[in-house]
Amino acid sequence: MLDRLPFLIGLRYVRAKRRNHFISFISLTSMLGLMLGVAVLILVLSVMNGFDHELRTRILGMVPHTKIESPGGVTEWRSLAERLMERERVIGAAPYVEQQGMFSVGGRNEGALVNGIDPEWESRVSIVDEHMSRGSLEDLEPGEWNIVLGSILARRLGVGVGDRVTLLVPEASITPAGVFPRLKRFNVSGIFSVGADLDAGLAYANIEDMQTLARMGDAVGGLRLELSDLFLAGSETRAIIDELGAGYRGLDWTFSHGNLFQAIQMEKRMIALLLTVIIAVAAFNIVSTLVMVVTDKHADIAILRTIGATPRSIMGIFIVQGLAIGTIGILVGVGLGVLLALTIADLIGWVESTLGFQFLDAGVYFISDLPSRLHWADVRDIVAAALVLTFLSTLYPAWRAARVQPAEVLRYE
């Protein structure tokens, strides 16, 4: 019977009597603190996981994992692509011609990066064809001088499918009349939207048209590669350059978006640490609750000791009580956090439609909606950390309870 005392009495003490309403209120406050801390931590980590996932799928789905270039251009690019595709980690290759330029139409000017692509090859390394809101990459026929614009870029220029835009490139054409900037008029044949900052500064044209504009002949700027593991892009790029030898250079995605990815990872760790401190504060509120309970239950402790309860059993009573308070708060927090993590995107969408206000601008925040991706491993770690903090917060009050001397207490009863 005594073996069950810590568990039974600990659970009984969770519910205070009428004269212990203040202690009950402190217990409720501790539960609420743990509940909110756990729920917010699950929600925030899920949102950070969502940002991380969107970075990998949207932005890095448009940005090449690595690029292999040659300063004078790559002429035999088909044989080079076949050679690189034989590597285990390379799962896709496509030629490109890049050209920085400025679009001008109706007095509006916007800078952008124009990628000359082969539509048939581009789908091997990019997800742009999956995010065409109007038109198709197949419309980029050689000699037609068609172009596909990002949705934000098109909106800023005030153009749509069927309109014409002028592209000015930072190269000069020497004519008998003097030196003039090189420019070319394009037909807008499509618009893509990936919901990222790339919509504001990226355009696609046919690779042969861009070769003509850049006066590269049959050469291309290089090859864009997609890898099976983008986090090995740096080492794989170095290995490819070592194999190809002098005359080639490689640039992986970490040069253009590595800082963003590292920032998200660092923010995730820092936010998790700060919110864990909030959980710790809520957990250690249990200390004050149990200290007051121990003081209130001195007579009960003394009676239990006189009928044979050991100091270890007395400690167990208050450890069970503290863990019961913490477990209730943690479980409710997990339920609330998981519910919010699974519905936050819809909730934000409803708020945006109701208020007519967009929380995330893709030109500023890289994506246009609030992503959330629940990882059960995060939930497991959060629950484990909260339970450990709760257990630690019960040790001091339980130790004080075990040190109560029955004779001293009962002398005045």
Foldseek 3Di string as FASTA:
>chain_A
DLVCVLQVLLVVVQDDDPVCVVLVVLLVLLLQLLLQLLLVLLQVLQLLVFVLVLCVCQVCQAPFQKWKFFPLFAQPAVVVQVVVCVDPFFFAKWFWAWFWWWKDDPRFIATAIEIAGDQVRVVRRHCQQVFWPAAGPVVQDPPQQAKEAQPQQCVRNVDDQQDKIKIWTPDWDQDPVGIDTQMDIHGHRTYGYSQALNSNHYMYHHRNVVCVSVVSPNGTRTMGTHTPDSVCSVVVQVVVCVVVDPRMHMDGPCVPCVVVSVVSVVVSVVVSVVSLVSLLVSLLSLLVSLLVVLVVCLQVLLVCVVVPNALVSLLSNQLSNLLVSLVSSLVSSLVSSVVCLVCVQVVQVVVCVVVVDFPDDNSVNGGRTRTGHRDVVSSVVSSVSSSVSNSVSSRVSSNVSSPRDSVVVVVVD
